[in-house]
Protein backbone atom coordinates (compact mmCIF):
# COMPACT_ATOMS: atom_id res chain seq x y z
CA GLN A 1 -0.03 -0.05 -0.02
CA VAL A 2 1.08 3.47 -0.50
CA GLN A 3 2.73 5.28 2.31
CA LEU A 4 4.49 8.66 2.69
CA VAL A 5 6.10 8.98 6.19
CA GLU A 6 7.50 12.36 6.91
CA SER A 7 10.12 12.90 9.78
CA GLY A 8 12.49 15.47 10.91
CA GLY A 9 10.11 18.07 12.37
CA GLY A 10 10.58 19.57 16.05
CA LEU A 11 11.08 22.69 17.94
CA VAL A 12 13.82 24.95 16.80
CA GLN A 13 14.84 28.55 17.69
CA PRO A 14 14.15 31.50 15.20
CA GLY A 15 16.98 31.53 12.83
CA GLY A 16 17.79 27.56 13.19
CA SER A 17 17.58 24.91 10.57
CA LEU A 18 15.75 21.72 10.03
CA ARG A 19 15.63 18.99 7.48
CA LEU A 20 12.57 17.22 6.71
CA SER A 21 12.50 13.75 5.07
CA CYS A 22 9.64 11.94 3.31
CA ALA A 23 10.11 8.25 2.73
CA ALA A 24 7.85 6.92 0.06
CA SER A 25 6.63 3.25 -0.63
CA GLY A 26 3.96 1.62 -2.48
CA PHE A 27 4.25 3.32 -5.89
CA THR A 28 6.70 4.23 -8.54
CA PHE A 29 8.47 7.01 -6.73
CA ARG A 30 10.45 8.35 -9.61
CA ALA A 31 7.22 8.65 -11.74
CA TYR A 32 5.68 11.20 -9.28
CA ALA A 33 6.46 14.98 -8.84
CA MET A 34 6.95 15.53 -4.95
CA ASN A 35 5.72 18.29 -3.15
CA TRP A 36 6.01 19.82 0.48
CA TYR A 37 2.97 21.75 1.71
CA ARG A 38 2.38 23.29 5.19
CA GLN A 39 -0.54 24.21 7.24
CA ALA A 40 -0.66 26.70 10.07
CA PRO A 41 -3.30 26.87 12.65
CA GLY A 42 -6.18 28.68 11.35
CA LYS A 43 -4.74 28.87 7.73
CA GLU A 44 -5.27 26.98 4.55
CA ARG A 45 -2.65 24.62 3.40
CA GLU A 46 -0.06 25.98 1.07
CA LEU A 47 2.50 24.49 -1.21
CA VAL A 48 6.06 25.48 -0.37
CA ALA A 49 8.16 23.29 -2.62
CA HIS A 50 8.06 21.43 -5.60
CA ILE A 51 10.29 18.87 -7.42
CA THR A 52 9.66 17.04 -10.83
CA GLY A 53 10.25 13.20 -10.62
CA ALA A 54 13.79 13.46 -12.42
CA GLY A 55 14.62 16.02 -9.94
CA ASP A 56 15.51 18.47 -12.75
CA THR A 57 13.18 21.12 -11.74
CA VAL A 58 12.30 22.77 -8.43
CA ASP A 59 10.04 25.50 -7.52
CA TYR A 60 9.47 27.24 -4.28
CA ALA A 61 6.83 29.63 -2.37
CA ASP A 62 7.80 33.18 -2.26
CA SER A 63 7.38 33.14 1.53
CA MET A 64 10.35 30.71 1.76
CA LEU A 65 12.30 31.46 -1.11
CA GLY A 66 16.11 31.63 -0.42
CA ARG A 67 15.59 29.78 2.87
CA ILE A 68 14.71 26.24 1.85
CA ALA A 69 15.75 23.49 -0.86
CA ILE A 70 13.94 20.44 -1.71
CA SER A 71 15.76 17.38 -3.04
CA ARG A 72 15.11 13.72 -3.72
CA ASP A 73 17.05 10.49 -3.84
CA ASN A 74 15.19 8.25 -6.21
CA ALA A 75 17.33 5.23 -5.25
CA LYS A 76 16.21 5.75 -1.66
CA ASN A 77 12.49 6.82 -2.58
CA THR A 78 13.03 9.71 -0.34
CA VAL A 79 12.34 13.40 -0.67
CA TYR A 80 13.89 16.11 1.46
CA LEU A 81 13.32 19.68 2.42
CA GLN A 82 16.30 21.53 3.91
CA MET A 83 14.85 24.64 5.90
CA ASN A 84 17.34 27.36 7.04
CA SER A 85 16.74 30.81 8.87
CA LEU A 86 13.46 29.64 10.38
CA LYS A 87 11.03 32.26 11.48
CA PRO A 88 8.17 31.90 13.87
CA GLU A 89 5.73 32.28 11.11
CA ASP A 90 7.09 29.09 9.63
CA THR A 91 5.43 27.23 12.40
CA ALA A 92 3.08 24.77 10.77
CA VAL A 93 2.41 21.02 10.14
CA TYR A 94 4.52 20.05 6.97
CA TYR A 95 3.21 17.47 4.69
CA CYS A 96 4.60 15.56 2.01
CA ASN A 97 2.81 14.92 -1.36
CA ALA A 98 3.26 12.75 -4.24
CA ARG A 99 1.33 13.55 -7.41
CA ASN A 100 1.02 12.40 -11.06
CA TRP A 101 -1.98 12.80 -13.62
CA VAL A 102 -3.86 10.07 -11.93
CA HIS A 103 -3.00 10.08 -8.17
CA ASP A 104 -2.47 12.32 -5.42
CA PHE A 105 -1.08 10.81 -2.05
CA TRP A 106 -0.24 12.48 1.22
CA GLY A 107 1.51 11.92 4.26
CA LEU A 108 0.29 12.53 7.90
CA GLY A 109 2.58 15.47 8.28
CA THR A 110 5.26 16.45 10.82
CA GLN A 111 4.94 19.32 13.22
CA VAL A 112 7.58 22.18 12.90
CA THR A 113 7.51 24.89 15.73
CA VAL A 114 9.79 27.81 15.56
CA SER A 115 9.76 29.46 18.96
CA SER A 116 12.39 30.80 21.43
């Protein structure tokens, strides 16, 4: 069965860094674009980073541009999100998403809290 399992979230001070991971199984990983979304309390879920199946194209939300980097390892069926210079407003649940023309898979999310 399809699984997307996020890890790497936690509590970090403002200005700190985190690296999120999403381990995928149950589908042909390289055939799917991968995305990271986030949802803060009381707000809609927003796309923060996108990477194509081959990993040759990436895209970022303006709100985090310059502070994050998405990457993937198709041999390990894993996608990563490196986040630097974190701000309190980055506090949210971060979700991993796999998408192609037919399917749309989601993980359960990992909490990121930026606070002193």
